[in-house]
Amino acid sequence: MERVYKTMRNAGALNITVGIIVTVIGLAAGIMSIVNGAVLLKRKSEITF
């Protein structure tokens, strides 16, 4: 029975770790998108087709 609890503890710790990593990557991607969008809007007048 103790083995099951250890397995559940390890799975829970792994899920928390993966969740934190995904959150950090998502936050970084969101910030980069906002910055790139702001640069595009700033240079809108320089773009010609």
C-alpha atoms as a PDB file:
ATOM      1  CA  MET A   1       0.000   0.000   0.000  1.00  0.00           C
ATOM      2  CA  GLU A   2       2.885   2.342   0.771  1.00  0.00           C
ATOM      3  CA  ARG A   3       4.223   1.827  -2.748  1.00  0.00           C
ATOM      4  CA  VAL A   4       0.968   3.185  -4.203  1.00  0.00           C
ATOM      5  CA  TYR A   5       1.237   6.326  -2.086  1.00  0.00           C
ATOM      6  CA  LYS A   6       4.842   6.881  -3.182  1.00  0.00           C
ATOM      7  CA  THR A   7       3.833   6.482  -6.819  1.00  0.00           C
ATOM      8  CA  MET A   8       0.962   8.944  -6.370  1.00  0.00           C
ATOM      9  CA  ARG A   9       3.279  11.415  -4.625  1.00  0.00           C
ATOM     10  CA  ASN A  10       5.808  11.213  -7.451  1.00  0.00           C
ATOM     11  CA  ALA A  11       3.101  11.617 -10.085  1.00  0.00           C
ATOM     12  CA  GLY A  12       1.701  14.636  -8.258  1.00  0.00           C
ATOM     13  CA  ALA A  13       5.135  16.240  -7.975  1.00  0.00           C
ATOM     14  CA  LEU A  14       5.747  15.631 -11.671  1.00  0.00           C
ATOM     15  CA  ASN A  15       2.379  17.174 -12.588  1.00  0.00           C
ATOM     16  CA  ILE A  16       3.138  20.279 -10.526  1.00  0.00           C
ATOM     17  CA  THR A  17       6.572  20.596 -12.152  1.00  0.00           C
ATOM     18  CA  VAL A  18       5.169  20.215 -15.660  1.00  0.00           C
ATOM     19  CA  GLY A  19       2.441  22.736 -14.873  1.00  0.00           C
ATOM     20  CA  ILE A  20       4.969  25.316 -13.709  1.00  0.00           C
ATOM     21  CA  ILE A  21       7.136  24.784 -16.792  1.00  0.00           C
ATOM     22  CA  VAL A  22       4.157  25.109 -19.149  1.00  0.00           C
ATOM     23  CA  THR A  23       3.031  28.274 -17.362  1.00  0.00           C
ATOM     24  CA  VAL A  24       6.477  29.872 -17.645  1.00  0.00           C
ATOM     25  CA  ILE A  25       6.783  28.970 -21.334  1.00  0.00           C
ATOM     26  CA  GLY A  26       3.273  30.274 -22.024  1.00  0.00           C
ATOM     27  CA  LEU A  27       4.005  33.516 -20.203  1.00  0.00           C
ATOM     28  CA  ALA A  28       7.250  34.004 -22.112  1.00  0.00           C
ATOM     29  CA  ALA A  29       5.528  33.326 -25.439  1.00  0.00           C
ATOM     30  CA  GLY A  30       2.763  35.784 -24.578  1.00  0.00           C
ATOM     31  CA  ILE A  31       5.230  38.517 -23.650  1.00  0.00           C
ATOM     32  CA  MET A  32       7.206  37.952 -26.856  1.00  0.00           C
ATOM     33  CA  SER A  33       3.994  38.172 -28.908  1.00  0.00           C
ATOM     34  CA  ILE A  34       3.007  41.440 -27.252  1.00  0.00           C
ATOM     35  CA  VAL A  35       6.471  42.926 -27.812  1.00  0.00           C
ATOM     36  CA  ASN A  36       6.541  41.840 -31.465  1.00  0.00           C
ATOM     37  CA  GLY A  37       3.055  43.234 -32.024  1.00  0.00           C
ATOM     38  CA  ALA A  38       4.059  46.553 -30.494  1.00  0.00           C
ATOM     39  CA  VAL A  39       7.112  46.746 -32.754  1.00  0.00           C
ATOM     40  CA  LEU A  40       4.951  46.044 -35.810  1.00  0.00           C
ATOM     41  CA  LEU A  41       2.468  48.725 -34.818  1.00  0.00           C
ATOM     42  CA  LYS A  42       5.283  51.175 -34.179  1.00  0.00           C
ATOM     43  CA  ARG A  43       6.776  50.568 -37.644  1.00  0.00           C
ATOM     44  CA  LYS A  44       3.431  50.391 -39.457  1.00  0.00           C
ATOM     45  CA  SER A  45       4.174  53.526 -41.472  1.00  0.00           C
ATOM     46  CA  GLU A  46       7.454  52.039 -42.766  1.00  0.00           C
ATOM     47  CA  ILE A  47       5.760  48.983 -44.289  1.00  0.00           C
ATOM     48  CA  THR A  48       5.010  49.193 -48.002  1.00  0.00           C
ATOM     49  CA  PHE A  49       3.517  46.559 -50.276  1.00  0.00           C
END
